[in-house]
Protein backbone atom coordinates (compact mmCIF):
# COMPACT_ATOMS: atom_id res chain seq x y z
CA MET A 1 0.00 0.00 0.00
CA ILE A 2 1.33 3.46 -0.90
CA ALA A 3 1.79 5.63 2.15
CA ALA A 4 -0.49 8.63 2.35
CA SER A 5 1.13 12.03 2.54
CA PRO A 6 -0.25 15.54 2.99
CA TYR A 7 2.36 16.75 0.52
CA THR A 8 1.91 16.62 -3.23
CA LEU A 9 3.85 18.15 -6.09
CA THR A 10 2.01 20.37 -8.51
CA VAL A 11 1.46 18.65 -11.85
CA MET A 12 3.79 20.11 -14.46
CA GLN A 13 5.30 22.41 -11.87
CA ARG A 14 8.01 24.74 -13.17
CA ILE A 15 11.13 24.70 -11.07
CA ALA A 16 12.97 28.03 -10.76
CA HIS A 17 16.56 29.18 -10.42
CA SER A 18 17.46 30.84 -7.13
CA ILE A 19 19.60 33.89 -7.89
CA ASN A 20 20.31 36.75 -5.50
CA GLY A 21 17.75 35.48 -3.04
CA GLU A 22 14.90 35.31 -5.54
CA LEU A 23 13.25 32.49 -7.49
CA VAL A 24 13.61 33.41 -11.15
CA GLU A 25 12.92 31.97 -14.59
CA PRO A 26 15.77 31.08 -16.94
CA HIS A 27 17.09 33.94 -19.03
CA SER A 28 16.27 32.06 -22.25
CA GLY A 29 12.77 31.06 -21.13
CA ALA A 30 13.60 27.44 -22.07
CA TYR A 31 12.80 24.41 -19.91
CA LEU A 32 13.70 20.72 -19.84
CA ASP A 33 11.32 17.85 -19.09
CA ASN A 34 11.73 16.34 -15.63
CA VAL A 35 10.76 12.66 -15.72
CA GLU A 36 9.66 10.54 -12.76
CA PRO A 37 11.74 7.33 -13.11
CA ALA A 38 9.09 5.11 -11.54
CA THR A 39 6.49 6.06 -14.16
CA GLY A 40 8.53 7.17 -17.15
CA GLN A 41 6.30 10.26 -17.35
CA VAL A 42 7.15 13.97 -17.35
CA TYR A 43 5.85 15.51 -14.14
CA SER A 44 7.61 18.90 -13.97
CA HIS A 45 9.93 21.18 -15.89
CA VAL A 46 13.41 22.35 -14.98
CA PRO A 47 15.13 25.49 -16.32
CA ASP A 48 17.41 24.89 -19.28
CA GLY A 49 19.94 27.30 -17.85
CA ASP A 50 22.88 28.75 -19.73
CA ALA A 51 25.88 31.05 -19.38
CA ALA A 52 23.65 34.11 -18.94
CA ASP A 53 22.05 32.56 -15.84
CA VAL A 54 25.45 31.58 -14.49
CA GLN A 55 26.70 35.13 -15.03
CA ALA A 56 23.77 36.55 -13.08
CA ALA A 57 24.50 34.10 -10.26
CA VAL A 58 28.21 34.96 -10.23
CA ASP A 59 27.40 38.67 -10.16
CA ALA A 60 25.14 38.15 -7.14
CA ALA A 61 27.64 35.88 -5.36
CA SER A 62 30.52 38.27 -6.00
CA LYS A 63 28.54 41.20 -4.63
CA ALA A 64 27.56 39.25 -1.50
CA PHE A 65 31.01 37.79 -0.80
CA ALA A 66 32.70 40.57 1.17
CA ARG A 67 29.80 40.97 3.59
CA TRP A 68 29.27 37.21 4.08
CA ALA A 69 33.00 36.60 4.59
CA ALA A 70 33.04 39.34 7.26
CA THR A 71 29.94 37.97 8.99
CA PRO A 72 30.96 36.54 12.39
CA PRO A 73 31.01 32.72 12.49
CA GLN A 74 28.30 32.73 15.14
CA GLN A 75 25.89 34.51 12.79
CA ARG A 76 26.74 32.27 9.84
CA SER A 77 26.17 29.31 12.15
CA GLN A 78 22.77 30.57 13.28
CA VAL A 79 21.35 30.91 9.77
CA MET A 80 22.69 27.49 8.77
CA LEU A 81 21.12 25.93 11.85
CA ARG A 82 17.80 27.54 10.92
CA ILE A 83 18.08 25.90 7.49
CA ALA A 84 18.72 22.53 9.16
CA ASP A 85 15.65 22.99 11.34
CA LEU A 86 13.53 23.75 8.27
CA ILE A 87 14.79 20.58 6.58
CA ASP A 88 13.65 18.66 9.65
CA ARG A 89 10.28 20.41 9.58
CA ASP A 90 9.76 19.47 5.91
CA LEU A 91 11.22 15.97 6.19
CA GLU A 92 8.22 14.19 4.70
CA LYS A 93 7.75 16.71 1.90
CA LEU A 94 11.43 16.58 0.95
CA ALA A 95 11.61 12.78 1.20
CA ARG A 96 8.60 12.34 -1.05
CA ALA A 97 10.01 14.85 -3.54
CA GLU A 98 13.36 13.02 -3.55
CA THR A 99 11.71 9.68 -4.19
CA ILE A 100 9.52 10.97 -7.01
CA ASP A 101 12.46 12.74 -8.62
CA ASN A 102 15.08 9.99 -8.21
CA GLY A 103 13.18 6.70 -8.05
CA LYS A 104 14.65 5.53 -4.74
CA PRO A 105 12.40 3.96 -2.09
CA LEU A 106 10.60 6.45 0.12
CA ASN A 107 11.87 4.82 3.30
CA LEU A 108 15.45 5.41 2.08
CA SER A 109 14.81 9.08 1.35
CA ARG A 110 13.07 9.46 4.70
CA SER A 111 15.66 7.66 6.82
CA VAL A 112 18.94 8.52 5.06
CA ASP A 113 18.96 11.22 2.37
CA ILE A 114 16.98 14.02 4.00
CA PRO A 115 18.22 13.52 7.59
CA ARG A 116 21.79 13.49 6.27
CA ALA A 117 21.17 16.82 4.50
CA ALA A 118 20.16 18.36 7.81
CA SER A 119 23.18 16.77 9.50
CA ASN A 120 25.49 18.25 6.89
CA MET A 121 24.19 21.75 7.63
CA ARG A 122 24.42 21.28 11.42
CA PHE A 123 27.88 19.70 11.35
CA PHE A 124 29.56 22.55 9.49
CA ALA A 125 27.45 25.21 11.19
CA THR A 126 28.89 24.12 14.52
CA ALA A 127 32.38 23.21 13.25
CA ILE A 128 33.12 26.86 12.45
CA LEU A 129 32.55 27.76 16.09
CA HIS A 130 35.56 25.65 17.10
CA GLY A 131 38.19 26.86 14.65
CA HIS A 132 41.70 27.64 15.83
CA SER A 133 44.82 29.29 14.45
CA GLU A 134 48.18 27.58 14.15
CA SER A 135 51.05 29.56 15.68
CA HIS A 136 54.82 29.13 15.87
CA ALA A 137 57.30 30.94 18.07
CA THR A 138 60.41 31.60 15.96
CA GLN A 139 63.90 32.51 17.15
CA LEU A 140 66.81 33.08 14.73
CA SER A 141 70.02 34.55 16.06
CA ASN A 142 69.01 37.83 17.76
CA MET A 143 65.61 38.01 16.01
CA ARG A 144 62.42 36.67 17.49
CA ALA A 145 59.01 36.44 15.85
CA LEU A 146 55.58 34.96 16.18
CA ASN A 147 54.11 33.25 13.11
CA TYR A 148 50.42 32.57 12.97
CA THR A 149 48.08 31.32 10.26
CA LEU A 150 44.86 32.91 9.10
CA ARG A 151 42.38 30.80 7.15
CA GLN A 152 40.26 32.99 4.91
CA PRO A 153 37.44 32.15 2.47
CA VAL A 154 38.44 31.74 -1.16
CA GLY A 155 35.59 33.61 -2.87
CA VAL A 156 32.77 32.39 -5.09
CA ALA A 157 32.68 28.59 -5.00
CA GLY A 158 31.26 26.50 -7.84
CA ALA A 159 29.47 23.36 -6.60
CA ILE A 160 28.26 20.69 -9.02
CA SER A 161 26.41 17.74 -7.50
CA PRO A 162 25.12 14.41 -8.90
CA TRP A 163 21.74 12.73 -9.25
CA ASN A 164 22.16 9.63 -7.08
CA LEU A 165 21.97 11.30 -3.64
CA PRO A 166 20.56 14.66 -4.67
CA LEU A 167 20.04 16.72 -1.50
CA TYR A 168 22.47 14.63 0.56
CA LEU A 169 25.45 15.51 -1.69
CA PHE A 170 24.19 18.97 -2.63
CA THR A 171 24.37 20.05 1.02
CA TRP A 172 27.63 18.11 1.57
CA LYS A 173 29.27 20.67 -0.73
CA ILE A 174 27.31 23.79 0.09
CA ALA A 175 27.50 23.53 3.89
CA PRO A 176 31.30 23.79 4.33
CA ALA A 177 31.54 26.45 1.62
CA LEU A 178 28.98 28.67 3.34
CA ALA A 179 30.28 27.94 6.83
CA THR A 180 33.79 29.14 5.96
CA GLY A 181 32.51 32.40 4.47
CA ASN A 182 32.40 31.65 0.76
CA THR A 183 29.44 32.40 -1.46
CA VAL A 184 28.22 29.69 -3.83
CA VAL A 185 26.98 29.14 -7.35
CA ALA A 186 25.57 25.60 -7.35
CA LYS A 187 24.30 23.30 -10.07
CA PRO A 188 22.26 20.23 -9.10
CA SER A 189 21.73 17.45 -11.62
CA GLU A 190 19.10 18.24 -14.22
CA LEU A 191 17.81 14.67 -13.70
CA THR A 192 16.99 15.27 -10.03
CA PRO A 193 16.51 19.01 -9.45
CA MET A 194 13.47 19.08 -7.18
CA THR A 195 14.96 18.97 -3.69
CA ALA A 196 17.65 21.52 -4.60
CA TYR A 197 14.82 23.82 -5.66
CA LEU A 198 12.91 23.17 -2.42
CA PHE A 199 16.14 23.69 -0.46
CA SER A 200 16.66 27.08 -2.10
CA GLU A 201 13.17 28.05 -0.89
CA LEU A 202 14.14 27.02 2.65
CA CYS A 203 17.32 29.11 2.48
CA ILE A 204 15.26 32.18 1.56
CA GLU A 205 12.83 31.44 4.39
CA ALA A 206 15.71 31.01 6.85
CA GLY A 207 17.06 34.46 6.03
CA LEU A 208 20.23 33.50 4.20
CA PRO A 209 21.42 36.86 2.79
CA LYS A 210 20.84 37.55 -0.88
CA GLY A 211 23.52 36.26 -3.22
CA VAL A 212 25.17 33.95 -0.69
CA LEU A 213 23.71 30.81 -2.30
CA ASN A 214 22.65 30.80 -5.95
CA VAL A 215 21.21 27.66 -7.57
CA VAL A 216 21.32 27.46 -11.36
CA HIS A 217 19.57 24.52 -13.01
CA GLY A 218 20.45 23.01 -16.36
CA THR A 219 22.75 20.61 -18.17
CA GLY A 220 26.45 20.00 -17.74
CA PRO A 221 27.50 21.27 -21.18
CA LYS A 222 25.70 24.57 -20.63
CA VAL A 223 25.54 25.38 -16.92
CA GLY A 224 28.28 23.10 -15.57
CA ALA A 225 30.77 24.18 -18.22
CA ALA A 226 29.96 27.87 -17.64
CA ILE A 227 30.63 27.47 -13.90
CA VAL A 228 33.91 25.62 -14.42
CA SER A 229 35.27 28.08 -17.00
CA HIS A 230 34.16 31.29 -15.27
CA ALA A 231 37.11 33.50 -14.39
CA ASP A 232 35.44 34.75 -11.20
CA ILE A 233 34.91 31.28 -9.70
CA PRO A 234 38.29 30.29 -8.21
CA ILE A 235 37.25 27.02 -6.56
CA ILE A 236 35.27 24.04 -7.89
CA THR A 237 33.83 21.04 -6.05
CA PHE A 238 32.35 18.29 -8.22
CA THR A 239 30.89 14.84 -7.66
CA GLY A 240 30.09 12.71 -10.69
CA GLY A 241 31.56 10.58 -13.43
CA THR A 242 35.28 10.17 -14.01
CA ALA A 243 35.10 11.29 -17.66
CA THR A 244 33.39 14.53 -16.65
CA GLY A 245 35.92 15.01 -13.86
CA ALA A 246 38.75 14.74 -16.40
CA THR A 247 37.09 17.39 -18.57
CA ILE A 248 36.74 19.70 -15.57
CA ALA A 249 40.41 19.19 -14.64
CA ARG A 250 41.53 20.04 -18.18
CA GLU A 251 39.50 23.24 -18.15
CA ALA A 252 40.19 24.38 -14.60
CA GLY A 253 43.85 23.36 -14.37
CA PRO A 254 45.28 26.13 -16.60
CA MET A 255 43.17 28.63 -14.66
CA PHE A 256 44.81 27.45 -11.39
CA LYS A 257 41.50 26.80 -9.67
CA LYS A 258 41.26 24.80 -6.48
CA LEU A 259 39.62 21.47 -7.30
CA ALA A 260 37.92 18.71 -5.33
CA LEU A 261 36.74 15.90 -7.60
CA GLU A 262 34.85 12.96 -6.11
CA LEU A 263 34.49 10.55 -9.02
CA GLY A 264 33.69 6.91 -9.76
CA GLY A 265 34.24 3.72 -7.84
CA LYS A 266 34.43 -0.02 -8.42
CA ASN A 267 34.70 -1.07 -4.85
CA PRO A 268 35.93 -4.48 -3.63
CA ASN A 269 34.13 -6.28 -0.83
CA ILE A 270 36.52 -8.94 0.52
CA VAL A 271 35.01 -11.77 2.57
CA PHE A 272 37.42 -14.09 4.39
CA ALA A 273 36.27 -17.50 5.64
CA ASP A 274 36.75 -16.47 9.29
CA CYS A 275 34.21 -13.63 9.01
CA ASP A 276 31.01 -13.16 10.97
CA TYR A 277 29.18 -14.95 8.18
CA ASP A 278 25.58 -13.83 8.75
CA LYS A 279 26.58 -10.20 9.16
CA ALA A 280 28.86 -10.34 6.11
CA VAL A 281 26.13 -11.73 3.85
CA ALA A 282 23.41 -9.37 5.02
CA THR A 283 25.59 -6.27 4.82
CA SER A 284 27.09 -7.28 1.47
CA VAL A 285 23.59 -7.50 -0.05
CA ARG A 286 22.80 -4.02 1.26
CA ALA A 287 26.14 -2.69 -0.01
CA ALA A 288 25.44 -4.06 -3.48
CA PHE A 289 21.83 -3.00 -3.94
CA ALA A 290 21.11 0.02 -1.74
CA ASN A 291 19.69 2.85 -3.85
CA GLN A 292 19.48 0.36 -6.77
CA GLY A 293 23.29 0.14 -6.70
CA GLN A 294 23.51 3.82 -7.63
CA ILE A 295 26.04 4.74 -4.95
CA CYS A 296 29.69 5.43 -5.71
CA LEU A 297 30.52 3.42 -2.56
CA ALA A 298 28.54 0.32 -3.62
CA GLY A 299 30.30 -2.98 -2.97
CA SER A 300 29.88 -4.17 -6.53
CA ARG A 301 32.83 -6.60 -6.63
CA VAL A 302 32.54 -9.29 -3.96
CA PHE A 303 35.55 -11.56 -3.42
CA VAL A 304 34.84 -14.61 -1.23
CA GLU A 305 37.42 -17.01 0.16
CA ARG A 306 36.95 -20.36 -1.57
CA PRO A 307 35.94 -22.53 1.46
CA ILE A 308 32.72 -20.52 1.89
CA PHE A 309 32.23 -19.41 -1.73
CA ASP A 310 29.40 -21.72 -2.81
CA GLU A 311 27.43 -21.24 0.40
CA PHE A 312 27.89 -17.48 0.22
CA VAL A 313 26.74 -17.24 -3.42
CA ASN A 314 23.62 -19.30 -2.74
CA GLU A 315 22.57 -17.27 0.29
CA PHE A 316 23.49 -13.93 -1.27
CA ALA A 317 21.44 -14.73 -4.40
CA GLN A 318 18.48 -15.89 -2.32
CA ARG A 319 18.48 -12.64 -0.37
CA ALA A 320 18.73 -10.70 -3.64
CA ARG A 321 15.69 -12.54 -5.02
CA GLU A 322 13.74 -11.59 -1.89
CA LEU A 323 14.25 -7.87 -2.47
CA ARG A 324 10.90 -6.50 -3.62
CA VAL A 325 11.19 -4.31 -6.70
CA GLY A 326 8.24 -1.94 -6.93
CA ASP A 327 6.74 1.51 -6.72
CA PRO A 328 9.21 3.53 -4.61
CA LEU A 329 6.30 5.26 -2.90
CA ASP A 330 5.10 1.87 -1.63
CA GLU A 331 6.44 1.25 1.86
CA ALA A 332 6.84 -2.47 1.03
CA SER A 333 9.32 -1.85 -1.81
CA HIS A 334 13.00 -2.56 -1.17
CA GLN A 335 14.14 -1.47 -4.64
CA GLY A 336 12.86 1.42 -6.70
CA ALA A 337 13.60 2.58 -10.23
CA VAL A 338 16.95 3.56 -11.70
CA VAL A 339 17.21 7.24 -12.52
CA SER A 340 16.45 7.35 -16.26
CA HIS A 341 15.63 5.35 -19.37
CA ASP A 342 19.14 5.93 -20.75
CA HIS A 343 20.71 4.72 -17.53
CA MET A 344 18.49 1.64 -17.49
CA GLU A 345 19.61 0.79 -21.02
CA LYS A 346 23.24 1.29 -20.04
CA VAL A 347 22.93 -1.08 -17.05
CA LEU A 348 21.10 -3.73 -19.06
CA GLY A 349 23.79 -3.43 -21.72
CA CYS A 350 26.48 -4.09 -19.10
CA ILE A 351 24.63 -7.23 -18.01
CA GLU A 352 24.58 -8.45 -21.63
CA GLN A 353 28.28 -7.72 -21.87
CA ALA A 354 28.86 -9.90 -18.81
CA ARG A 355 26.93 -12.72 -20.49
CA ASP A 356 29.04 -12.34 -23.63
CA ASP A 357 32.19 -12.56 -21.52
CA GLY A 358 31.08 -15.89 -20.04
CA GLY A 359 29.43 -14.67 -16.86
CA ARG A 360 26.72 -16.78 -15.23
CA ILE A 361 23.64 -14.81 -14.22
CA VAL A 362 22.76 -16.42 -10.90
CA CYS A 363 19.69 -14.24 -10.45
CA GLY A 364 18.14 -11.15 -12.00
CA GLY A 365 19.52 -9.70 -15.20
CA GLU A 366 16.27 -8.39 -16.66
CA ARG A 367 14.07 -5.32 -16.67
CA VAL A 368 11.15 -5.52 -14.28
CA HIS A 369 7.66 -4.54 -15.40
CA VAL A 370 6.04 -3.59 -12.11
CA GLU A 371 2.46 -4.76 -11.64
CA SER A 372 1.12 -1.28 -11.04
CA ALA A 373 -0.78 0.93 -13.44
CA ARG A 374 1.16 3.91 -12.14
CA CYS A 375 4.57 2.30 -12.69
CA LYS A 376 3.97 0.16 -15.78
CA ASP A 377 6.44 2.24 -17.82
CA GLY A 378 8.99 2.76 -15.05
CA TYR A 379 12.72 2.04 -15.20
CA PHE A 380 13.08 -0.99 -12.95
CA ILE A 381 15.83 -3.66 -13.03
CA GLN A 382 16.06 -6.92 -11.09
CA PRO A 383 18.88 -7.16 -8.54
CA THR A 384 21.49 -9.08 -10.53
CA VAL A 385 24.19 -11.47 -9.29
CA ILE A 386 26.92 -12.66 -11.67
CA THR A 387 29.62 -15.30 -11.18
CA GLY A 388 32.17 -16.98 -13.44
CA LEU A 389 33.98 -13.86 -14.62
CA GLU A 390 37.72 -13.26 -14.50
CA PRO A 391 38.83 -10.59 -12.01
CA ASN A 392 40.10 -8.46 -14.90
CA SER A 393 36.97 -8.81 -17.06
CA ARG A 394 35.28 -5.67 -18.36
CA THR A 395 32.40 -6.15 -15.91
CA ASN A 396 34.83 -6.26 -12.98
CA LEU A 397 36.73 -3.17 -14.11
CA GLN A 398 34.05 -0.73 -15.28
CA GLU A 399 31.65 1.17 -13.04
CA ILE A 400 28.11 0.01 -13.84
CA PHE A 401 26.31 2.08 -11.20
CA GLY A 402 23.26 -0.14 -11.02
CA PRO A 403 21.87 -3.19 -9.17
CA VAL A 404 24.59 -5.50 -10.50
CA VAL A 405 27.20 -7.37 -8.45
CA THR A 406 29.87 -9.92 -9.32
CA ILE A 407 31.07 -12.61 -6.89
CA THR A 408 34.52 -14.18 -7.37
CA PRO A 409 36.36 -16.84 -5.32
CA PHE A 410 39.90 -16.29 -4.06
CA ASP A 411 42.48 -18.50 -2.37
CA ASP A 412 44.85 -16.24 -0.44
CA GLU A 413 45.33 -12.76 0.89
CA HIS A 414 47.98 -11.73 -1.63
CA GLU A 415 45.81 -12.76 -4.57
CA VAL A 416 42.70 -10.92 -3.43
CA VAL A 417 44.53 -7.68 -2.65
CA GLU A 418 46.07 -7.75 -6.12
CA TRP A 419 42.63 -8.24 -7.69
CA ALA A 420 41.07 -5.57 -5.49
CA ASN A 421 43.68 -3.05 -6.64
CA ALA A 422 43.43 -4.00 -10.32
CA THR A 423 40.86 -1.35 -11.34
CA PRO A 424 41.59 2.27 -12.28
CA TYR A 425 39.42 3.29 -9.31
CA GLY A 426 40.22 3.56 -5.62
CA LEU A 427 37.31 4.99 -3.65
CA SER A 428 36.42 2.46 -0.95
CA ALA A 429 36.77 -1.15 0.10
CA THR A 430 35.27 -3.47 2.70
CA VAL A 431 37.03 -6.33 4.50
CA TRP A 432 35.30 -9.06 6.48
CA THR A 433 37.53 -10.99 8.91
CA GLU A 434 37.78 -11.71 12.63
CA ASN A 435 41.60 -11.75 12.36
CA LEU A 436 42.73 -8.36 13.65
CA ASN A 437 46.23 -8.61 12.20
CA ARG A 438 44.86 -9.51 8.76
CA ALA A 439 42.35 -6.67 8.88
CA HIS A 440 45.05 -4.05 9.47
CA THR A 441 47.46 -5.61 6.97
CA VAL A 442 44.93 -5.79 4.16
CA ALA A 443 43.60 -2.30 4.89
CA GLU A 444 47.10 -0.88 4.59
CA ARG A 445 47.70 -2.56 1.22
CA LEU A 446 44.41 -1.61 -0.43
CA GLN A 447 44.70 1.35 -2.82
CA THR A 448 41.61 3.23 -1.75
CA GLY A 449 40.46 6.29 0.15
CA THR A 450 38.29 4.45 2.70
CA VAL A 451 38.43 0.91 4.11
CA TRP A 452 35.57 -0.44 6.19
CA ILE A 453 36.37 -3.41 8.43
CA ASN A 454 33.35 -5.59 9.26
CA CYS A 455 30.91 -2.84 8.29
CA TRP A 456 29.85 -0.73 5.32
CA LEU A 457 28.87 2.93 4.93
CA LEU A 458 29.45 3.67 8.59
CA ARG A 459 30.13 7.39 8.15
CA ASP A 460 31.60 9.89 10.58
CA LEU A 461 31.36 13.41 9.15
CA ARG A 462 34.67 14.34 10.77
CA VAL A 463 36.80 11.96 8.71
CA PRO A 464 38.31 12.71 5.27
CA PHE A 465 36.39 11.30 2.31
CA GLY A 466 37.62 10.83 -1.25
CA GLY A 467 39.50 8.47 -3.51
CA VAL A 468 42.77 7.73 -5.26
CA LYS A 469 43.58 7.04 -8.91
CA GLN A 470 40.56 7.78 -11.11
CA SER A 471 38.26 8.04 -8.10
CA GLY A 472 39.18 11.64 -7.59
CA VAL A 473 41.35 14.46 -6.35
CA GLY A 474 41.25 15.95 -2.88
CA ARG A 475 39.13 15.13 0.14
CA GLU A 476 35.78 16.24 1.54
CA GLY A 477 34.42 16.11 5.07
CA GLY A 478 35.44 17.49 8.44
CA GLU A 479 38.64 19.51 8.68
CA GLU A 480 39.58 18.57 5.10
CA ALA A 481 36.52 20.40 3.76
CA MET A 482 37.15 23.44 5.97
CA ARG A 483 40.71 23.61 4.67
CA PHE A 484 39.65 23.17 1.05
CA PHE A 485 37.27 26.12 1.18
CA THR A 486 39.84 28.44 2.79
CA GLU A 487 43.26 29.80 1.87
CA PRO A 488 45.96 29.77 4.55
CA LYS A 489 47.83 33.03 5.11
CA ASN A 490 50.94 33.17 7.26
CA VAL A 491 51.46 36.33 9.32
CA CYS A 492 54.94 36.88 10.78
CA VAL A 493 55.32 39.46 13.57
CA ALA A 494 58.90 40.27 14.57
CA PHE A 495 59.82 41.59 18.00
CA GLU A 496 62.96 42.02 20.08
């Protein structure tokens, strides 16, 4: 049964930019269709923004910067905390909007995405109240001095966020930028713009000064490119695909912009025979299929020590078959729709590629036609488990970003670490073992930004987050984010 809600979205609603504290239409007057993945139907329209909209946003952000940067941290904190409170107030409205826009189950939006957005705002709103300056007493010959470090905001920050965790990752970028005194020109994904639009309304309601946050909707080639190439945006934070990240780096590098790029992942999940078996199976299923596998941290390559391989595959596949694929607004659904028709075709094509390469489809592998009049044309895919592929097969090396997982046996620690490191990515990894020495040894050897031992997606907002190799450049989260959005200035005061 679909849960009742007092909140509904206006049919064919027109989303607006938020520029200089006002909701405005695109300069061109052009709009893009916004499709609900679960139904395959257009339900709203999003501005088809362009360079003119970005310029208006940059003008507003530039004008607001000096005053916002000079605003005491306590005042910046207060307005950010008000925004967090408004997110909490509108939890159900925002969760429902996220589910309709993205296709993820409502219970996931309600329990993870929207609460995390509020947490992002609160974390950085309070972090700025506890900043400190580094200082060094210096003595050279007969000269003494005191050196101290100022950390000052960079300027107008460009923030480009993805479609898989729309408000969650949108606020993950905006919160530290605003907290440290920067102003922002932000672009949410044109595939999932609704909660960014609703968030911009909340920022206006909370009293965020005009021009401090500007949200420009539209496509990457038009809006994203205009943000990246703009001479008055000295710092860019981006989460998305590796190919797009490379394009951004080529454009921004010669302009000497600060860059944080959180890109793709093809994350290994290593299960040793001495693991807590029940916990390893249950968590590995969640790591593979949460959000329809559309998480950069998904454990999409499972390596299982040979003594428990057959048992693990059988139980894992059985649990995958039990995941109910259905209307994401239905509280009984475990899996919703993938984000778009094009993405569905891409994922199904990857499954066919795995078949061509000799993979055995243990379960899933097909599009699901949900038995619901509302969702009959939706973009649903069965949770898919594949075995029989070589560790260096295309399926095991490329990021699929869907409900698809491979399971491969291994015989020893050296072998599995080599296989785990064999992709061009290095975002995260998970290790299941009760052997403490092995856990630390394997974690040290894995080429990745995060290693979870006997858990997955256990996040502390204070720790650095990011990847190595083609998984990105720089780190987000905690002190790393505060440092990224500021420039250090050394002040040396000499005295006798």
